[in-house]
PDB file of N, CA and C in Angstrom:
ATOM      1  N   MET A   1      33.588 -31.255 -39.731  1.00  0.00           N
ATOM      2  CA  MET A   1      34.651 -32.117 -39.409  1.00  0.00           C
ATOM      3  C   MET A   1      36.057 -31.281 -39.115  1.00  0.00           C
ATOM      4  N   THR A   2      36.470 -31.880 -37.674  1.00  0.00           N
ATOM      5  CA  THR A   2      37.800 -31.018 -37.549  1.00  0.00           C
ATOM      6  C   THR A   2      38.878 -31.484 -38.547  1.00  0.00           C
ATOM      7  N   GLU A   3      39.776 -30.503 -39.021  1.00  0.00           N
ATOM      8  CA  GLU A   3      40.920 -30.915 -39.703  1.00  0.00           C
ATOM      9  C   GLU A   3      42.316 -31.012 -38.565  1.00  0.00           C
ATOM     10  N   THR A   4      42.972 -32.242 -38.865  1.00  0.00           N
ATOM     11  CA  THR A   4      44.055 -32.592 -37.801  1.00  0.00           C
ATOM     12  C   THR A   4      45.573 -32.626 -38.535  1.00  0.00           C
ATOM     13  N   THR A   5      46.385 -32.354 -37.957  1.00  0.00           N
ATOM     14  CA  THR A   5      47.922 -32.367 -38.511  1.00  0.00           C
ATOM     15  C   THR A   5      48.575 -33.048 -37.611  1.00  0.00           C
ATOM     16  N   PRO A   6      49.683 -33.945 -38.281  1.00  0.00           N
ATOM     17  CA  PRO A   6      50.477 -34.930 -37.371  1.00  0.00           C
ATOM     18  C   PRO A   6      51.223 -34.083 -36.524  1.00  0.00           C
ATOM     19  N   VAL A   7      51.829 -34.546 -35.432  1.00  0.00           N
ATOM     20  CA  VAL A   7      52.806 -33.279 -34.678  1.00  0.00           C
ATOM     21  C   VAL A   7      53.669 -34.919 -33.860  1.00  0.00           C
ATOM     22  N   ILE A   8      55.182 -34.425 -33.862  1.00  0.00           N
ATOM     23  CA  ILE A   8      55.991 -35.316 -32.896  1.00  0.00           C
ATOM     24  C   ILE A   8      56.380 -34.794 -31.893  1.00  0.00           C
ATOM     25  N   CYS A   9      56.151 -35.839 -30.490  1.00  0.00           N
ATOM     26  CA  CYS A   9      56.528 -35.178 -29.270  1.00  0.00           C
ATOM     27  C   CYS A   9      57.831 -35.158 -29.138  1.00  0.00           C
ATOM     28  N   PRO A  10      58.218 -33.998 -28.297  1.00  0.00           N
ATOM     29  CA  PRO A  10      59.812 -33.839 -28.045  1.00  0.00           C
ATOM     30  C   PRO A  10      60.114 -34.728 -27.125  1.00  0.00           C
ATOM     31  N   SER A  11      59.572 -35.339 -26.130  1.00  0.00           N
ATOM     32  CA  SER A  11      59.957 -36.029 -25.373  1.00  0.00           C
ATOM     33  C   SER A  11      59.942 -37.573 -25.664  1.00  0.00           C
ATOM     34  N   CYS A  12      58.923 -38.246 -26.076  1.00  0.00           N
ATOM     35  CA  CYS A  12      58.853 -39.410 -26.828  1.00  0.00           C
ATOM     36  C   CYS A  12      58.981 -40.113 -27.847  1.00  0.00           C
ATOM     37  N   PHE A  13      58.886 -38.827 -28.800  1.00  0.00           N
ATOM     38  CA  PHE A  13      59.383 -38.950 -30.118  1.00  0.00           C
ATOM     39  C   PHE A  13      58.344 -39.711 -31.148  1.00  0.00           C
ATOM     40  N   GLN A  14      56.918 -40.044 -30.377  1.00  0.00           N
ATOM     41  CA  GLN A  14      56.022 -40.607 -30.970  1.00  0.00           C
ATOM     42  C   GLN A  14      55.088 -39.432 -31.896  1.00  0.00           C
ATOM     43  N   GLU A  15      54.395 -40.182 -32.972  1.00  0.00           N
ATOM     44  CA  GLU A  15      53.868 -39.060 -33.941  1.00  0.00           C
ATOM     45  C   GLU A  15      52.372 -39.374 -33.653  1.00  0.00           C
ATOM     46  N   PHE A  16      51.609 -38.406 -33.501  1.00  0.00           N
ATOM     47  CA  PHE A  16      49.955 -38.448 -33.377  1.00  0.00           C
ATOM     48  C   PHE A  16      49.564 -37.308 -34.052  1.00  0.00           C
ATOM     49  N   GLU A  17      48.109 -37.133 -34.096  1.00  0.00           N
ATOM     50  CA  GLU A  17      47.329 -36.380 -34.814  1.00  0.00           C
ATOM     51  C   GLU A  17      46.624 -35.235 -33.704  1.00  0.00           C
ATOM     52  N   VAL A  18      46.843 -33.804 -34.162  1.00  0.00           N
ATOM     53  CA  VAL A  18      46.061 -33.052 -33.013  1.00  0.00           C
ATOM     54  C   VAL A  18      45.212 -31.952 -34.379  1.00  0.00           C
ATOM     55  N   PRO A  19      44.136 -31.474 -33.437  1.00  0.00           N
ATOM     56  CA  PRO A  19      43.321 -30.588 -34.306  1.00  0.00           C
ATOM     57  C   PRO A  19      43.673 -29.263 -34.625  1.00  0.00           C
ATOM     58  N   CYS A  20      43.515 -28.966 -35.633  1.00  0.00           N
ATOM     59  CA  CYS A  20      44.038 -27.757 -36.186  1.00  0.00           C
ATOM     60  C   CYS A  20      43.299 -26.589 -35.700  1.00  0.00           C
ATOM     61  N   PRO A  21      43.926 -25.313 -35.171  1.00  0.00           N
ATOM     62  CA  PRO A  21      42.934 -24.341 -34.948  1.00  0.00           C
ATOM     63  C   PRO A  21      42.507 -23.810 -36.352  1.00  0.00           C
ATOM     64  N   HIS A  22      41.301 -22.671 -36.397  1.00  0.00           N
ATOM     65  CA  HIS A  22      41.034 -22.149 -37.473  1.00  0.00           C
ATOM     66  C   HIS A  22      41.643 -21.469 -38.364  1.00  0.00           C
ATOM     67  N   SER A  23      41.863 -21.381 -39.601  1.00  0.00           N
ATOM     68  CA  SER A  23      42.962 -20.168 -40.518  1.00  0.00           C
ATOM     69  C   SER A  23      43.252 -19.271 -39.896  1.00  0.00           C
ATOM     70  N   THR A  24      41.844 -18.739 -39.460  1.00  0.00           N
ATOM     71  CA  THR A  24      41.852 -17.121 -39.255  1.00  0.00           C
ATOM     72  C   THR A  24      43.053 -16.912 -37.906  1.00  0.00           C
ATOM     73  N   GLU A  25      43.271 -17.838 -37.121  1.00  0.00           N
ATOM     74  CA  GLU A  25      44.005 -17.965 -35.629  1.00  0.00           C
ATOM     75  C   GLU A  25      45.397 -18.458 -36.082  1.00  0.00           C
ATOM     76  N   VAL A  26      45.690 -18.786 -37.441  1.00  0.00           N
ATOM     77  CA  VAL A  26      46.963 -18.849 -37.543  1.00  0.00           C
ATOM     78  C   VAL A  26      47.844 -18.108 -38.313  1.00  0.00           C
ATOM     79  N   PRO A  27      49.314 -17.801 -37.557  1.00  0.00           N
ATOM     80  CA  PRO A  27      50.002 -18.559 -36.808  1.00  0.00           C
ATOM     81  C   PRO A  27      49.574 -18.717 -35.314  1.00  0.00           C
ATOM     82  N   CYS A  28      49.817 -19.287 -34.354  1.00  0.00           N
ATOM     83  CA  CYS A  28      49.832 -19.255 -33.200  1.00  0.00           C
ATOM     84  C   CYS A  28      50.238 -20.632 -32.452  1.00  0.00           C
ATOM     85  N   ASP A  29      50.336 -20.611 -31.134  1.00  0.00           N
ATOM     86  CA  ASP A  29      50.989 -21.696 -30.400  1.00  0.00           C
ATOM     87  C   ASP A  29      50.168 -21.857 -28.991  1.00  0.00           C
ATOM     88  N   VAL A  30      50.169 -22.971 -28.844  1.00  0.00           N
ATOM     89  CA  VAL A  30      49.134 -23.708 -27.729  1.00  0.00           C
ATOM     90  C   VAL A  30      49.846 -24.529 -26.871  1.00  0.00           C
ATOM     91  N   ASP A  31      49.351 -24.559 -25.766  1.00  0.00           N
ATOM     92  CA  ASP A  31      49.982 -25.671 -24.735  1.00  0.00           C
ATOM     93  C   ASP A  31      49.366 -26.982 -25.012  1.00  0.00           C
ATOM     94  N   TYR A  32      49.790 -28.261 -24.888  1.00  0.00           N
ATOM     95  CA  TYR A  32      49.424 -29.326 -25.080  1.00  0.00           C
ATOM     96  C   TYR A  32      50.202 -30.435 -24.621  1.00  0.00           C
ATOM     97  N   ASP A  33      49.393 -31.548 -24.121  1.00  0.00           N
ATOM     98  CA  ASP A  33      50.083 -32.448 -23.297  1.00  0.00           C
ATOM     99  C   ASP A  33      49.650 -33.670 -24.630  1.00  0.00           C
ATOM    100  N   CYS A  34      50.934 -34.242 -24.554  1.00  0.00           N
ATOM    101  CA  CYS A  34      51.263 -35.762 -25.381  1.00  0.00           C
ATOM    102  C   CYS A  34      50.358 -36.555 -24.942  1.00  0.00           C
ATOM    103  N   GLU A  35      49.592 -37.054 -26.313  1.00  0.00           N
ATOM    104  CA  GLU A  35      48.721 -38.172 -26.308  1.00  0.00           C
ATOM    105  C   GLU A  35      49.231 -39.503 -25.958  1.00  0.00           C
ATOM    106  N   VAL A  36      50.555 -39.542 -25.903  1.00  0.00           N
ATOM    107  CA  VAL A  36      51.577 -41.128 -25.776  1.00  0.00           C
ATOM    108  C   VAL A  36      51.867 -40.929 -24.342  1.00  0.00           C
ATOM    109  N   CYS A  37      52.822 -39.780 -24.120  1.00  0.00           N
ATOM    110  CA  CYS A  37      53.507 -39.980 -22.506  1.00  0.00           C
ATOM    111  C   CYS A  37      52.949 -38.843 -21.739  1.00  0.00           C
ATOM    112  N   CYS A  38      51.818 -37.935 -22.071  1.00  0.00           N
ATOM    113  CA  CYS A  38      51.192 -37.128 -21.347  1.00  0.00           C
ATOM    114  C   CYS A  38      52.475 -35.751 -20.840  1.00  0.00           C
ATOM    115  N   ARG A  39      53.252 -35.713 -21.289  1.00  0.00           N
ATOM    116  CA  ARG A  39      54.229 -34.401 -21.133  1.00  0.00           C
ATOM    117  C   ARG A  39      53.607 -33.187 -21.843  1.00  0.00           C
ATOM    118  N   PRO A  40      54.088 -32.298 -21.195  1.00  0.00           N
ATOM    119  CA  PRO A  40      53.398 -31.016 -21.680  1.00  0.00           C
ATOM    120  C   PRO A  40      54.535 -30.542 -22.990  1.00  0.00           C
ATOM    121  N   MET A  41      53.751 -29.695 -23.672  1.00  0.00           N
ATOM    122  CA  MET A  41      54.746 -29.258 -24.758  1.00  0.00           C
ATOM    123  C   MET A  41      54.237 -28.083 -25.431  1.00  0.00           C
ATOM    124  N   ARG A  42      54.553 -27.251 -26.128  1.00  0.00           N
ATOM    125  CA  ARG A  42      53.916 -26.296 -26.948  1.00  0.00           C
ATOM    126  C   ARG A  42      54.179 -26.667 -28.574  1.00  0.00           C
ATOM    127  N   ILE A  43      52.971 -26.386 -29.127  1.00  0.00           N
ATOM    128  CA  ILE A  43      52.699 -26.602 -30.966  1.00  0.00           C
ATOM    129  C   ILE A  43      52.620 -25.588 -31.143  1.00  0.00           C
ATOM    130  N   LEU A  44      53.431 -25.210 -32.314  1.00  0.00           N
ATOM    131  CA  LEU A  44      53.277 -24.131 -33.082  1.00  0.00           C
ATOM    132  C   LEU A  44      52.582 -24.546 -34.428  1.00  0.00           C
ATOM    133  N   PHE A  45      51.492 -23.759 -34.689  1.00  0.00           N
ATOM    134  CA  PHE A  45      50.488 -23.971 -35.854  1.00  0.00           C
ATOM    135  C   PHE A  45      51.048 -22.813 -36.924  1.00  0.00           C
ATOM    136  N   GLU A  46      51.425 -23.121 -38.190  1.00  0.00           N
ATOM    137  CA  GLU A  46      51.597 -22.575 -39.431  1.00  0.00           C
ATOM    138  C   GLU A  46      51.006 -22.911 -40.654  1.00  0.00           C
ATOM    139  N   ASP A  47      50.442 -21.667 -41.093  1.00  0.00           N
ATOM    140  CA  ASP A  47      50.224 -22.252 -42.621  1.00  0.00           C
ATOM    141  C   ASP A  47      50.803 -21.908 -43.400  1.00  0.00           C
ATOM    142  N   GLU A  48      51.399 -23.017 -44.257  1.00  0.00           N
ATOM    143  CA  GLU A  48      52.251 -22.837 -45.432  1.00  0.00           C
ATOM    144  C   GLU A  48      51.569 -23.091 -46.533  1.00  0.00           C
ATOM    145  N   ASP A  49      51.296 -22.189 -47.611  1.00  0.00           N
ATOM    146  CA  ASP A  49      50.634 -22.679 -48.673  1.00  0.00           C
ATOM    147  C   ASP A  49      49.320 -23.155 -48.754  1.00  0.00           C
ATOM    148  N   GLY A  50      48.460 -22.787 -47.686  1.00  0.00           N
ATOM    149  CA  GLY A  50      47.215 -23.032 -47.676  1.00  0.00           C
ATOM    150  C   GLY A  50      47.247 -24.715 -46.789  1.00  0.00           C
ATOM    151  N   GLU A  51      48.248 -25.197 -46.505  1.00  0.00           N
ATOM    152  CA  GLU A  51      48.516 -26.479 -45.686  1.00  0.00           C
ATOM    153  C   GLU A  51      48.944 -26.283 -44.148  1.00  0.00           C
ATOM    154  N   MET A  52      48.225 -26.964 -43.132  1.00  0.00           N
ATOM    155  CA  MET A  52      48.513 -26.635 -41.824  1.00  0.00           C
ATOM    156  C   MET A  52      49.636 -27.176 -41.701  1.00  0.00           C
ATOM    157  N   ARG A  53      50.717 -26.678 -40.895  1.00  0.00           N
ATOM    158  CA  ARG A  53      51.961 -27.269 -40.294  1.00  0.00           C
ATOM    159  C   ARG A  53      51.913 -27.302 -38.749  1.00  0.00           C
ATOM    160  N   ALA A  54      52.323 -27.900 -37.872  1.00  0.00           N
ATOM    161  CA  ALA A  54      52.481 -28.023 -36.731  1.00  0.00           C
ATOM    162  C   ALA A  54      53.991 -28.592 -36.367  1.00  0.00           C
ATOM    163  N   THR A  55      54.382 -27.810 -35.475  1.00  0.00           N
ATOM    164  CA  THR A  55      55.515 -28.148 -34.699  1.00  0.00           C
ATOM    165  C   THR A  55      55.719 -28.087 -33.366  1.00  0.00           C
ATOM    166  N   ALA A  56      56.024 -29.045 -32.807  1.00  0.00           N
ATOM    167  CA  ALA A  56      56.172 -29.367 -31.151  1.00  0.00           C
ATOM    168  C   ALA A  56      57.741 -29.053 -30.934  1.00  0.00           C
ATOM    169  N   CYS A  57      57.619 -28.624 -29.437  1.00  0.00           N
ATOM    170  CA  CYS A  57      58.982 -28.294 -28.783  1.00  0.00           C
ATOM    171  C   CYS A  57      58.168 -28.205 -27.220  1.00  0.00           C
ATOM    172  N   GLY A  58      59.288 -28.788 -26.267  1.00  0.00           N
ATOM    173  CA  GLY A  58      59.464 -28.765 -24.734  1.00  0.00           C
ATOM    174  C   GLY A  58      58.893 -27.138 -24.537  1.00  0.00           C
ATOM    175  N   LEU A  59      58.632 -27.438 -23.324  1.00  0.00           N
ATOM    176  CA  LEU A  59      58.071 -25.628 -22.585  1.00  0.00           C
ATOM    177  C   LEU A  59      59.373 -25.225 -22.211  1.00  0.00           C
ATOM    178  N   GLY A  60      60.368 -26.028 -21.957  1.00  0.00           N
ATOM    179  CA  GLY A  60      61.925 -25.381 -21.840  1.00  0.00           C
ATOM    180  C   GLY A  60      62.553 -24.862 -23.079  1.00  0.00           C
ATOM    181  N   GLU A  61      61.900 -24.768 -23.998  1.00  0.00           N
ATOM    182  CA  GLU A  61      62.617 -24.718 -25.378  1.00  0.00           C
ATOM    183  C   GLU A  61      62.337 -23.197 -25.939  1.00  0.00           C
TER     184      GLU A  61
END
C-alpha cells in the first residue's frame, strides 16, 4: 500500500492527498498537477522525524 500525505494547492487552495516517494528518495521535489484545478505545481517532500511532509508551490515560485 502506498503512503500518502496531504498537500494544499497554491492556486486553488484545496487540500488533497498525494503519494509519497520512497524514504530513500527524500528530500526531493516533483512536478505535479493539482487534482482539483489541474494547475501545475512543484511538491517538495521532506522527512521530518520519520514523518513525510509535502509542501506545494507554484512553478514560478
